[in-house]
Amino acid sequence: RSSFVGLSEHDAKRVMQIWALVDKMPDRRRLVFELHRKDGLSYKEIS
């Protein structure tokens, strides 16, 4: 939840919506997206 610090209520809700949608992605696509956006890994590291 600390990642929400500084966000408006609207933006915080939008982030939650995005991650709820990410959770519905095919497993491999979801992992790629999470590694890149949550963990900050580069495409080459993910590959």
ModelCIF file with pLDDT and N, C-alpha, C, O atoms, coordinates in Angstrom:
data_MODEL
#
_entry.id   MODEL 
#
_entity.id                         1 
_entity.type                       polymer 
_entity.pdbx_number_of_molecules   1 
#
_entity_poly.entity_id                      1 
_entity_poly.type                           'polypeptide(L)' 
_entity_poly.nstd_linkage                   no 
_entity_poly.nstd_monomer                   no 
_entity_poly.pdbx_seq_one_letter_code       RSSFVGLSEHDAKRVMQIWALVDKMPDRRRLVFELHRKDGLSYKEIS 
_entity_poly.pdbx_seq_one_letter_code_can   RSSFVGLSEHDAKRVMQIWALVDKMPDRRRLVFELHRKDGLSYKEIS 
_entity_poly.pdbx_strand_id                 A 
#
loop_
_entity_poly_seq.entity_id 
_entity_poly_seq.num 
_entity_poly_seq.mon_id 
_entity_poly_seq.hetero 
1 1  ARG n 
1 2  SER n 
1 3  SER n 
1 4  PHE n 
1 5  VAL n 
1 6  GLY n 
1 7  LEU n 
1 8  SER n 
1 9  GLU n 
1 10 HIS n 
1 11 ASP n 
1 12 ALA n 
1 13 LYS n 
1 14 ARG n 
1 15 VAL n 
1 16 MET n 
1 17 GLN n 
1 18 ILE n 
1 19 TRP n 
1 20 ALA n 
1 21 LEU n 
1 22 VAL n 
1 23 ASP n 
1 24 LYS n 
1 25 MET n 
1 26 PRO n 
1 27 ASP n 
1 28 ARG n 
1 29 ARG n 
1 30 ARG n 
1 31 LEU n 
1 32 VAL n 
1 33 PHE n 
1 34 GLU n 
1 35 LEU n 
1 36 HIS n 
1 37 ARG n 
1 38 LYS n 
1 39 ASP n 
1 40 GLY n 
1 41 LEU n 
1 42 SER n 
1 43 TYR n 
1 44 LYS n 
1 45 GLU n 
1 46 ILE n 
1 47 SER n 
#
_struct_asym.id          A 
_struct_asym.entity_id   1 
#
loop_
_ma_qa_metric.id 
_ma_qa_metric.mode 
_ma_qa_metric.name 
_ma_qa_metric.software_group_id 
_ma_qa_metric.type 
1 global pLDDT . pLDDT 
2 local  pLDDT . pLDDT 
#
_ma_qa_metric_global.metric_id      1 
_ma_qa_metric_global.metric_value   82.98 
_ma_qa_metric_global.model_id       1 
_ma_qa_metric_global.ordinal_id     1 
#
loop_
_ma_qa_metric_local.label_asym_id 
_ma_qa_metric_local.label_comp_id 
_ma_qa_metric_local.label_seq_id 
_ma_qa_metric_local.metric_id 
_ma_qa_metric_local.metric_value 
_ma_qa_metric_local.model_id 
_ma_qa_metric_local.ordinal_id 
A ARG 1  2 54.00 1 1  
A SER 2  2 52.00 1 2  
A SER 3  2 55.00 1 3  
A PHE 4  2 57.00 1 4  
A VAL 5  2 59.00 1 5  
A GLY 6  2 64.00 1 6  
A LEU 7  2 64.00 1 7  
A SER 8  2 70.00 1 8  
A GLU 9  2 71.00 1 9  
A HIS 10 2 69.00 1 10 
A ASP 11 2 72.00 1 11 
A ALA 12 2 72.00 1 12 
A LYS 13 2 75.00 1 13 
A ARG 14 2 76.00 1 14 
A VAL 15 2 79.00 1 15 
A MET 16 2 81.00 1 16 
A GLN 17 2 82.00 1 17 
A ILE 18 2 84.00 1 18 
A TRP 19 2 84.00 1 19 
A ALA 20 2 86.00 1 20 
A LEU 21 2 89.00 1 21 
A VAL 22 2 90.00 1 22 
A ASP 23 2 89.00 1 23 
A LYS 24 2 90.00 1 24 
A MET 25 2 93.00 1 25 
A PRO 26 2 93.00 1 26 
A ASP 27 2 92.00 1 27 
A ARG 28 2 93.00 1 28 
A ARG 29 2 94.00 1 29 
A ARG 30 2 93.00 1 30 
A LEU 31 2 94.00 1 31 
A VAL 32 2 95.00 1 32 
A PHE 33 2 94.00 1 33 
A GLU 34 2 92.00 1 34 
A LEU 35 2 94.00 1 35 
A HIS 36 2 93.00 1 36 
A ARG 37 2 90.00 1 37 
A LYS 38 2 87.00 1 38 
A ASP 39 2 90.00 1 39 
A GLY 40 2 90.00 1 40 
A LEU 41 2 93.00 1 41 
A SER 42 2 93.00 1 42 
A TYR 43 2 94.00 1 43 
A LYS 44 2 94.00 1 44 
A GLU 45 2 95.00 1 45 
A ILE 46 2 95.00 1 46 
A SER 47 2 95.00 1 47 
#
loop_
_atom_site.group_PDB 
_atom_site.id 
_atom_site.type_symbol 
_atom_site.label_atom_id 
_atom_site.label_alt_id 
_atom_site.label_comp_id 
_atom_site.label_asym_id 
_atom_site.label_entity_id 
_atom_site.label_seq_id 
_atom_site.pdbx_PDB_ins_code 
_atom_site.Cartn_x 
_atom_site.Cartn_y 
_atom_site.Cartn_z 
_atom_site.occupancy 
_atom_site.B_iso_or_equiv 
_atom_site.pdbx_formal_charge 
_atom_site.auth_seq_id 
_atom_site.auth_comp_id 
_atom_site.auth_asym_id 
_atom_site.auth_atom_id 
_atom_site.pdbx_PDB_model_num 
ATOM 1   N N  . ARG A 1 1  ? 0.817  -1.213  0.000   1.00 54.00 ? 1  ARG A N  1 
ATOM 2   C CA . ARG A 1 1  ? 0.000  0.000   0.000   1.00 54.00 ? 1  ARG A CA 1 
ATOM 3   C C  . ARG A 1 1  ? 0.851  1.264   0.000   1.00 54.00 ? 1  ARG A C  1 
ATOM 4   O O  . ARG A 1 1  ? 0.367  2.330   -0.379  1.00 54.00 ? 1  ARG A O  1 
ATOM 5   N N  . SER A 1 2  ? 2.103  1.163   0.416   1.00 52.00 ? 2  SER A N  1 
ATOM 6   C CA . SER A 1 2  ? 2.974  2.337   0.453   1.00 52.00 ? 2  SER A CA 1 
ATOM 7   C C  . SER A 1 2  ? 3.156  2.946   -0.931  1.00 52.00 ? 2  SER A C  1 
ATOM 8   O O  . SER A 1 2  ? 3.510  4.118   -1.061  1.00 52.00 ? 2  SER A O  1 
ATOM 9   N N  . SER A 1 3  ? 2.910  2.134   -1.976  1.00 55.00 ? 3  SER A N  1 
ATOM 10  C CA . SER A 1 3  ? 3.045  2.656   -3.337  1.00 55.00 ? 3  SER A CA 1 
ATOM 11  C C  . SER A 1 3  ? 1.957  3.666   -3.665  1.00 55.00 ? 3  SER A C  1 
ATOM 12  O O  . SER A 1 3  ? 2.047  4.369   -4.671  1.00 55.00 ? 3  SER A O  1 
ATOM 13  N N  . PHE A 1 4  ? 0.920  3.745   -2.816  1.00 57.00 ? 4  PHE A N  1 
ATOM 14  C CA . PHE A 1 4  ? -0.167 4.696   -3.032  1.00 57.00 ? 4  PHE A CA 1 
ATOM 15  C C  . PHE A 1 4  ? 0.137  6.069   -2.439  1.00 57.00 ? 4  PHE A C  1 
ATOM 16  O O  . PHE A 1 4  ? -0.598 7.026   -2.684  1.00 57.00 ? 4  PHE A O  1 
ATOM 17  N N  . VAL A 1 5  ? 1.213  6.171   -1.663  1.00 59.00 ? 5  VAL A N  1 
ATOM 18  C CA . VAL A 1 5  ? 1.516  7.429   -1.002  1.00 59.00 ? 5  VAL A CA 1 
ATOM 19  C C  . VAL A 1 5  ? 1.687  8.538   -2.040  1.00 59.00 ? 5  VAL A C  1 
ATOM 20  O O  . VAL A 1 5  ? 2.443  8.394   -3.000  1.00 59.00 ? 5  VAL A O  1 
ATOM 21  N N  . GLY A 1 6  ? 0.976  9.640   -1.834  1.00 64.00 ? 6  GLY A N  1 
ATOM 22  C CA . GLY A 1 6  ? 1.087  10.774  -2.742  1.00 64.00 ? 6  GLY A CA 1 
ATOM 23  C C  . GLY A 1 6  ? 0.070  10.764  -3.862  1.00 64.00 ? 6  GLY A C  1 
ATOM 24  O O  . GLY A 1 6  ? -0.056 11.747  -4.592  1.00 64.00 ? 6  GLY A O  1 
ATOM 25  N N  . LEU A 1 7  ? -0.673 9.648   -4.013  1.00 64.00 ? 7  LEU A N  1 
ATOM 26  C CA . LEU A 1 7  ? -1.677 9.574   -5.074  1.00 64.00 ? 7  LEU A CA 1 
ATOM 27  C C  . LEU A 1 7  ? -3.009 10.113  -4.575  1.00 64.00 ? 7  LEU A C  1 
ATOM 28  O O  . LEU A 1 7  ? -3.342 9.985   -3.397  1.00 64.00 ? 7  LEU A O  1 
ATOM 29  N N  . SER A 1 8  ? -3.757 10.712  -5.474  1.00 70.00 ? 8  SER A N  1 
ATOM 30  C CA . SER A 1 8  ? -5.105 11.137  -5.136  1.00 70.00 ? 8  SER A CA 1 
ATOM 31  C C  . SER A 1 8  ? -5.979 9.900   -4.985  1.00 70.00 ? 8  SER A C  1 
ATOM 32  O O  . SER A 1 8  ? -5.596 8.808   -5.406  1.00 70.00 ? 8  SER A O  1 
ATOM 33  N N  . GLU A 1 9  ? -7.145 10.072  -4.389  1.00 71.00 ? 9  GLU A N  1 
ATOM 34  C CA . GLU A 1 9  ? -8.058 8.941   -4.219  1.00 71.00 ? 9  GLU A CA 1 
ATOM 35  C C  . GLU A 1 9  ? -8.438 8.349   -5.573  1.00 71.00 ? 9  GLU A C  1 
ATOM 36  O O  . GLU A 1 9  ? -8.538 7.131   -5.723  1.00 71.00 ? 9  GLU A O  1 
ATOM 37  N N  . HIS A 1 10 ? -8.647 9.222   -6.552  1.00 69.00 ? 10 HIS A N  1 
ATOM 38  C CA . HIS A 1 10 ? -9.014 8.760   -7.890  1.00 69.00 ? 10 HIS A CA 1 
ATOM 39  C C  . HIS A 1 10 ? -7.910 7.918   -8.507  1.00 69.00 ? 10 HIS A C  1 
ATOM 40  O O  . HIS A 1 10 ? -8.170 6.852   -9.065  1.00 69.00 ? 10 HIS A O  1 
ATOM 41  N N  . ASP A 1 11 ? -6.662 8.405   -8.404  1.00 72.00 ? 11 ASP A N  1 
ATOM 42  C CA . ASP A 1 11 ? -5.546 7.668   -8.990  1.00 72.00 ? 11 ASP A CA 1 
ATOM 43  C C  . ASP A 1 11 ? -5.285 6.362   -8.250  1.00 72.00 ? 11 ASP A C  1 
ATOM 44  O O  . ASP A 1 11 ? -4.922 5.360   -8.867  1.00 72.00 ? 11 ASP A O  1 
ATOM 45  N N  . ALA A 1 12 ? -5.468 6.366   -6.926  1.00 72.00 ? 12 ALA A N  1 
ATOM 46  C CA . ALA A 1 12 ? -5.280 5.146   -6.146  1.00 72.00 ? 12 ALA A CA 1 
ATOM 47  C C  . ALA A 1 12 ? -6.296 4.084   -6.578  1.00 72.00 ? 12 ALA A C  1 
ATOM 48  O O  . ALA A 1 12 ? -5.965 2.904   -6.697  1.00 72.00 ? 12 ALA A O  1 
ATOM 49  N N  . LYS A 1 13 ? -7.533 4.519   -6.809  1.00 75.00 ? 13 LYS A N  1 
ATOM 50  C CA . LYS A 1 13 ? -8.559 3.586   -7.271  1.00 75.00 ? 13 LYS A CA 1 
ATOM 51  C C  . LYS A 1 13 ? -8.220 3.070   -8.660  1.00 75.00 ? 13 LYS A C  1 
ATOM 52  O O  . LYS A 1 13 ? -8.452 1.901   -8.967  1.00 75.00 ? 13 LYS A O  1 
ATOM 53  N N  . ARG A 1 14 ? -7.669 3.942   -9.501  1.00 76.00 ? 14 ARG A N  1 
ATOM 54  C CA . ARG A 1 14 ? -7.307 3.536   -10.847 1.00 76.00 ? 14 ARG A CA 1 
ATOM 55  C C  . ARG A 1 14 ? -6.186 2.486   -10.813 1.00 76.00 ? 14 ARG A C  1 
ATOM 56  O O  . ARG A 1 14 ? -6.196 1.530   -11.588 1.00 76.00 ? 14 ARG A O  1 
ATOM 57  N N  . VAL A 1 15 ? -5.224 2.679   -9.907  1.00 79.00 ? 15 VAL A N  1 
ATOM 58  C CA . VAL A 1 15 ? -4.153 1.684   -9.758  1.00 79.00 ? 15 VAL A CA 1 
ATOM 59  C C  . VAL A 1 15 ? -4.744 0.338   -9.364  1.00 79.00 ? 15 VAL A C  1 
ATOM 60  O O  . VAL A 1 15 ? -4.358 -0.695  -9.911  1.00 79.00 ? 15 VAL A O  1 
ATOM 61  N N  . MET A 1 16 ? -5.677 0.347   -8.420  1.00 81.00 ? 16 MET A N  1 
ATOM 62  C CA . MET A 1 16 ? -6.312 -0.901  -7.992  1.00 81.00 ? 16 MET A CA 1 
ATOM 63  C C  . MET A 1 16 ? -7.066 -1.551  -9.148  1.00 81.00 ? 16 MET A C  1 
ATOM 64  O O  . MET A 1 16 ? -7.048 -2.773  -9.297  1.00 81.00 ? 16 MET A O  1 
ATOM 65  N N  . GLN A 1 17 ? -7.728 -0.734  -9.966  1.00 82.00 ? 17 GLN A N  1 
ATOM 66  C CA . GLN A 1 17 ? -8.427 -1.270  -11.134 1.00 82.00 ? 17 GLN A CA 1 
ATOM 67  C C  . GLN A 1 17 ? -7.450 -1.930  -12.097 1.00 82.00 ? 17 GLN A C  1 
ATOM 68  O O  . GLN A 1 17 ? -7.715 -3.008  -12.628 1.00 82.00 ? 17 GLN A O  1 
ATOM 69  N N  . ILE A 1 18 ? -6.323 -1.273  -12.314 1.00 84.00 ? 18 ILE A N  1 
ATOM 70  C CA . ILE A 1 18 ? -5.325 -1.803  -13.239 1.00 84.00 ? 18 ILE A CA 1 
ATOM 71  C C  . ILE A 1 18 ? -4.812 -3.154  -12.770 1.00 84.00 ? 18 ILE A C  1 
ATOM 72  O O  . ILE A 1 18 ? -4.742 -4.102  -13.552 1.00 84.00 ? 18 ILE A O  1 
ATOM 73  N N  . TRP A 1 19 ? -4.448 -3.245  -11.471 1.00 84.00 ? 19 TRP A N  1 
ATOM 74  C CA . TRP A 1 19 ? -3.896 -4.520  -10.992 1.00 84.00 ? 19 TRP A CA 1 
ATOM 75  C C  . TRP A 1 19 ? -4.960 -5.609  -10.937 1.00 84.00 ? 19 TRP A C  1 
ATOM 76  O O  . TRP A 1 19 ? -4.634 -6.790  -11.060 1.00 84.00 ? 19 TRP A O  1 
ATOM 77  N N  . ALA A 1 20 ? -6.223 -5.238  -10.755 1.00 86.00 ? 20 ALA A N  1 
ATOM 78  C CA . ALA A 1 20 ? -7.297 -6.231  -10.822 1.00 86.00 ? 20 ALA A CA 1 
ATOM 79  C C  . ALA A 1 20 ? -7.394 -6.782  -12.244 1.00 86.00 ? 20 ALA A C  1 
ATOM 80  O O  . ALA A 1 20 ? -7.621 -7.976  -12.439 1.00 86.00 ? 20 ALA A O  1 
ATOM 81  N N  . LEU A 1 21 ? -7.223 -5.911  -13.228 1.00 89.00 ? 21 LEU A N  1 
ATOM 82  C CA . LEU A 1 21 ? -7.240 -6.341  -14.628 1.00 89.00 ? 21 LEU A CA 1 
ATOM 83  C C  . LEU A 1 21 ? -6.009 -7.181  -14.960 1.00 89.00 ? 21 LEU A C  1 
ATOM 84  O O  . LEU A 1 21 ? -6.102 -8.169  -15.688 1.00 89.00 ? 21 LEU A O  1 
ATOM 85  N N  . VAL A 1 22 ? -4.862 -6.785  -14.427 1.00 90.00 ? 22 VAL A N  1 
ATOM 86  C CA . VAL A 1 22 ? -3.627 -7.543  -14.661 1.00 90.00 ? 22 VAL A CA 1 
ATOM 87  C C  . VAL A 1 22 ? -3.788 -8.973  -14.167 1.00 90.00 ? 22 VAL A C  1 
ATOM 88  O O  . VAL A 1 22 ? -3.299 -9.916  -14.789 1.00 90.00 ? 22 VAL A O  1 
ATOM 89  N N  . ASP A 1 23 ? -4.477 -9.123  -13.045 1.00 89.00 ? 23 ASP A N  1 
ATOM 90  C CA . ASP A 1 23 ? -4.665 -10.451 -12.453 1.00 89.00 ? 23 ASP A CA 1 
ATOM 91  C C  . ASP A 1 23 ? -5.474 -11.374 -13.352 1.00 89.00 ? 23 ASP A C  1 
ATOM 92  O O  . ASP A 1 23 ? -5.445 -12.592 -13.173 1.00 89.00 ? 23 ASP A O  1 
ATOM 93  N N  . LYS A 1 24 ? -6.203 -10.805 -14.328 1.00 90.00 ? 24 LYS A N  1 
ATOM 94  C CA . LYS A 1 24 ? -7.022 -11.603 -15.242 1.00 90.00 ? 24 LYS A CA 1 
ATOM 95  C C  . LYS A 1 24 ? -6.269 -11.978 -16.518 1.00 90.00 ? 24 LYS A C  1 
ATOM 96  O O  . LYS A 1 24 ? -6.788 -12.727 -17.345 1.00 90.00 ? 24 LYS A O  1 
ATOM 97  N N  . MET A 1 25 ? -5.058 -11.467 -16.683 1.00 93.00 ? 25 MET A N  1 
ATOM 98  C CA . MET A 1 25 ? -4.282 -11.761 -17.885 1.00 93.00 ? 25 MET A CA 1 
ATOM 99  C C  . MET A 1 25 ? -3.816 -13.219 -17.896 1.00 93.00 ? 25 MET A C  1 
ATOM 100 O O  . MET A 1 25 ? -3.754 -13.853 -16.843 1.00 93.00 ? 25 MET A O  1 
ATOM 101 N N  . PRO A 1 26 ? -3.489 -13.753 -19.070 1.00 93.00 ? 26 PRO A N  1 
ATOM 102 C CA . PRO A 1 26 ? -2.840 -15.072 -19.134 1.00 93.00 ? 26 PRO A CA 1 
ATOM 103 C C  . PRO A 1 26 ? -1.590 -15.059 -18.266 1.00 93.00 ? 26 PRO A C  1 
ATOM 104 O O  . PRO A 1 26 ? -0.922 -14.031 -18.161 1.00 93.00 ? 26 PRO A O  1 
ATOM 105 N N  . ASP A 1 27 ? -1.268 -16.183 -17.646 1.00 92.00 ? 27 ASP A N  1 
ATOM 106 C CA . ASP A 1 27 ? -0.214 -16.233 -16.632 1.00 92.00 ? 27 ASP A CA 1 
ATOM 107 C C  . ASP A 1 27 ? 1.111  -15.624 -17.082 1.00 92.00 ? 27 ASP A C  1 
ATOM 108 O O  . ASP A 1 27 ? 1.697  -14.814 -16.365 1.00 92.00 ? 27 ASP A O  1 
ATOM 109 N N  . ARG A 1 28 ? 1.579  -16.005 -18.253 1.00 93.00 ? 28 ARG A N  1 
ATOM 110 C CA . ARG A 1 28 ? 2.891  -15.536 -18.678 1.00 93.00 ? 28 ARG A CA 1 
ATOM 111 C C  . ARG A 1 28 ? 2.892  -14.035 -18.929 1.00 93.00 ? 28 ARG A C  1 
ATOM 112 O O  . ARG A 1 28 ? 3.840  -13.338 -18.566 1.00 93.00 ? 28 ARG A O  1 
ATOM 113 N N  . ARG A 1 29 ? 1.835  -13.545 -19.545 1.00 94.00 ? 29 ARG A N  1 
ATOM 114 C CA . ARG A 1 29 ? 1.735  -12.109 -19.802 1.00 94.00 ? 29 ARG A CA 1 
ATOM 115 C C  . ARG A 1 29 ? 1.654  -11.335 -18.492 1.00 94.00 ? 29 ARG A C  1 
ATOM 116 O O  . ARG A 1 29 ? 2.257  -10.271 -18.350 1.00 94.00 ? 29 ARG A O  1 
ATOM 117 N N  . ARG A 1 30 ? 0.905  -11.878 -17.541 1.00 93.00 ? 30 ARG A N  1 
ATOM 118 C CA . ARG A 1 30 ? 0.798  -11.235 -16.230 1.00 93.00 ? 30 ARG A CA 1 
ATOM 119 C C  . ARG A 1 30 ? 2.165  -11.183 -15.541 1.00 93.00 ? 30 ARG A C  1 
ATOM 120 O O  . ARG A 1 30 ? 2.526  -10.158 -14.964 1.00 93.00 ? 30 ARG A O  1 
ATOM 121 N N  . LEU A 1 31 ? 2.916  -12.265 -15.597 1.00 94.00 ? 31 LEU A N  1 
ATOM 122 C CA . LEU A 1 31 ? 4.238  -12.293 -14.971 1.00 94.00 ? 31 LEU A CA 1 
ATOM 123 C C  . LEU A 1 31 ? 5.177  -11.270 -15.603 1.00 94.00 ? 31 LEU A C  1 
ATOM 124 O O  . LEU A 1 31 ? 5.909  -10.568 -14.906 1.00 94.00 ? 31 LEU A O  1 
ATOM 125 N N  . VAL A 1 32 ? 5.146  -11.197 -16.924 1.00 95.00 ? 32 VAL A N  1 
ATOM 126 C CA . VAL A 1 32 ? 5.992  -10.231 -17.627 1.00 95.00 ? 32 VAL A CA 1 
ATOM 127 C C  . VAL A 1 32 ? 5.640  -8.808  -17.177 1.00 95.00 ? 32 VAL A C  1 
ATOM 128 O O  . VAL A 1 32 ? 6.525  -8.012  -16.863 1.00 95.00 ? 32 VAL A O  1 
ATOM 129 N N  . PHE A 1 33 ? 4.357  -8.504  -17.151 1.00 94.00 ? 33 PHE A N  1 
ATOM 130 C CA . PHE A 1 33 ? 3.916  -7.164  -16.776 1.00 94.00 ? 33 PHE A CA 1 
ATOM 131 C C  . PHE A 1 33 ? 4.288  -6.845  -15.332 1.00 94.00 ? 33 PHE A C  1 
ATOM 132 O O  . PHE A 1 33 ? 4.768  -5.749  -15.042 1.00 94.00 ? 33 PHE A O  1 
ATOM 133 N N  . GLU A 1 34 ? 4.069  -7.795  -14.428 1.00 92.00 ? 34 GLU A N  1 
ATOM 134 C CA . GLU A 1 34 ? 4.366  -7.562  -13.014 1.00 92.00 ? 34 GLU A CA 1 
ATOM 135 C C  . GLU A 1 34 ? 5.862  -7.380  -12.781 1.00 92.00 ? 34 GLU A C  1 
ATOM 136 O O  . GLU A 1 34 ? 6.273  -6.507  -12.018 1.00 92.00 ? 34 GLU A O  1 
ATOM 137 N N  . LEU A 1 35 ? 6.667  -8.197  -13.433 1.00 94.00 ? 35 LEU A N  1 
ATOM 138 C CA . LEU A 1 35 ? 8.110  -8.070  -13.262 1.00 94.00 ? 35 LEU A CA 1 
ATOM 139 C C  . LEU A 1 35 ? 8.613  -6.710  -13.747 1.00 94.00 ? 35 LEU A C  1 
ATOM 140 O O  . LEU A 1 35 ? 9.524  -6.123  -13.164 1.00 94.00 ? 35 LEU A O  1 
ATOM 141 N N  . HIS A 1 36 ? 8.001  -6.226  -14.823 1.00 93.00 ? 36 HIS A N  1 
ATOM 142 C CA . HIS A 1 36 ? 8.429  -4.953  -15.382 1.00 93.00 ? 36 HIS A CA 1 
ATOM 143 C C  . HIS A 1 36 ? 7.918  -3.775  -14.559 1.00 93.00 ? 36 HIS A C  1 
ATOM 144 O O  . HIS A 1 36 ? 8.671  -2.849  -14.257 1.00 93.00 ? 36 HIS A O  1 
ATOM 145 N N  . ARG A 1 37 ? 6.617  -3.814  -14.192 1.00 90.00 ? 37 ARG A N  1 
ATOM 146 C CA . ARG A 1 37 ? 6.003  -2.655  -13.553 1.00 90.00 ? 37 ARG A CA 1 
ATOM 147 C C  . ARG A 1 37 ? 6.106  -2.668  -12.029 1.00 90.00 ? 37 ARG A C  1 
ATOM 148 O O  . ARG A 1 37 ? 6.246  -1.611  -11.415 1.00 90.00 ? 37 ARG A O  1 
ATOM 149 N N  . LYS A 1 38 ? 6.038  -3.837  -11.416 1.00 87.00 ? 38 LYS A N  1 
ATOM 150 C CA . LYS A 1 38 ? 6.137  -3.892  -9.950  1.00 87.00 ? 38 LYS A CA 1 
ATOM 151 C C  . LYS A 1 38 ? 7.583  -3.970  -9.492  1.00 87.00 ? 38 LYS A C  1 
ATOM 152 O O  . LYS A 1 38 ? 7.971  -3.315  -8.524  1.00 87.00 ? 38 LYS A O  1 
ATOM 153 N N  . ASP A 1 39 ? 8.381  -4.771  -10.187 1.00 90.00 ? 39 ASP A N  1 
ATOM 154 C CA . ASP A 1 39 ? 9.735  -5.043  -9.729  1.00 90.00 ? 39 ASP A CA 1 
ATOM 155 C C  . ASP A 1 39 ? 10.800 -4.224  -10.457 1.00 90.00 ? 39 ASP A C  1 
ATOM 156 O O  . ASP A 1 39 ? 11.964 -4.214  -10.057 1.00 90.00 ? 39 ASP A O  1 
ATOM 157 N N  . GLY A 1 40 ? 10.398 -3.543  -11.521 1.00 90.00 ? 40 GLY A N  1 
ATOM 158 C CA . GLY A 1 40 ? 11.331 -2.664  -12.207 1.00 90.00 ? 40 GLY A CA 1 
ATOM 159 C C  . GLY A 1 40 ? 12.391 -3.377  -13.018 1.00 90.00 ? 40 GLY A C  1 
ATOM 160 O O  . GLY A 1 40 ? 13.438 -2.798  -13.306 1.00 90.00 ? 40 GLY A O  1 
ATOM 161 N N  . LEU A 1 41 ? 12.143 -4.628  -13.396 1.00 93.00 ? 41 LEU A N  1 
ATOM 162 C CA . LEU A 1 41 ? 13.119 -5.365  -14.186 1.00 93.00 ? 41 LEU A CA 1 
ATOM 163 C C  . LEU A 1 41 ? 13.043 -4.937  -15.650 1.00 93.00 ? 41 LEU A C  1 
ATOM 164 O O  . LEU A 1 41 ? 11.971 -4.605  -16.155 1.00 93.00 ? 41 LEU A O  1 
ATOM 165 N N  . SER A 1 42 ? 14.178 -4.949  -16.314 1.00 93.00 ? 42 SER A N  1 
ATOM 166 C CA . SER A 1 42 ? 14.217 -4.607  -17.735 1.00 93.00 ? 42 SER A CA 1 
ATOM 167 C C  . SER A 1 42 ? 13.698 -5.776  -18.558 1.00 93.00 ? 42 SER A C  1 
ATOM 168 O O  . SER A 1 42 ? 13.569 -6.893  -18.056 1.00 93.00 ? 42 SER A O  1 
ATOM 169 N N  . TYR A 1 43 ? 13.400 -5.511  -19.832 1.00 94.00 ? 43 TYR A N  1 
ATOM 170 C CA . TYR A 1 43 ? 12.931 -6.573  -20.713 1.00 94.00 ? 43 TYR A CA 1 
ATOM 171 C C  . TYR A 1 43 ? 13.980 -7.684  -20.828 1.00 94.00 ? 43 TYR A C  1 
ATOM 172 O O  . TYR A 1 43 ? 13.643 -8.868  -20.853 1.00 94.00 ? 43 TYR A O  1 
ATOM 173 N N  . LYS A 1 44 ? 15.233 -7.292  -20.896 1.00 94.00 ? 44 LYS A N  1 
ATOM 174 C CA . LYS A 1 44 ? 16.295 -8.297  -21.034 1.00 94.00 ? 44 LYS A CA 1 
ATOM 175 C C  . LYS A 1 44 ? 16.410 -9.151  -19.780 1.00 94.00 ? 44 LYS A C  1 
ATOM 176 O O  . LYS A 1 44 ? 16.634 -10.358 -19.871 1.00 94.00 ? 44 LYS A O  1 
ATOM 177 N N  . GLU A 1 45 ? 16.258 -8.539  -18.612 1.00 95.00 ? 45 GLU A N  1 
ATOM 178 C CA . GLU A 1 45 ? 16.283 -9.311  -17.366 1.00 95.00 ? 45 GLU A CA 1 
ATOM 179 C C  . GLU A 1 45 ? 15.107 -10.276 -17.319 1.00 95.00 ? 45 GLU A C  1 
ATOM 180 O O  . GLU A 1 45 ? 15.258 -11.429 -16.916 1.00 95.00 ? 45 GLU A O  1 
ATOM 181 N N  . ILE A 1 46 ? 13.936 -9.802  -17.731 1.00 95.00 ? 46 ILE A N  1 
ATOM 182 C CA . ILE A 1 46 ? 12.743 -10.658 -17.726 1.00 95.00 ? 46 ILE A CA 1 
ATOM 183 C C  . ILE A 1 46 ? 12.919 -11.826 -18.696 1.00 95.00 ? 46 ILE A C  1 
ATOM 184 O O  . ILE A 1 46 ? 12.522 -12.952 -18.394 1.00 95.00 ? 46 ILE A O  1 
ATOM 185 N N  . SER A 1 47 ? 13.511 -11.560 -19.856 1.00 95.00 ? 47 SER A N  1 
ATOM 186 C CA . SER A 1 47 ? 13.709 -12.636 -20.840 1.00 95.00 ? 47 SER A CA 1 
ATOM 187 C C  . SER A 1 47 ? 14.611 -13.722 -20.274 1.00 95.00 ? 47 SER A C  1 
ATOM 188 O O  . SER A 1 47 ? 14.892 -14.708 -20.955 1.00 95.00 ? 47 SER A O  1 
#
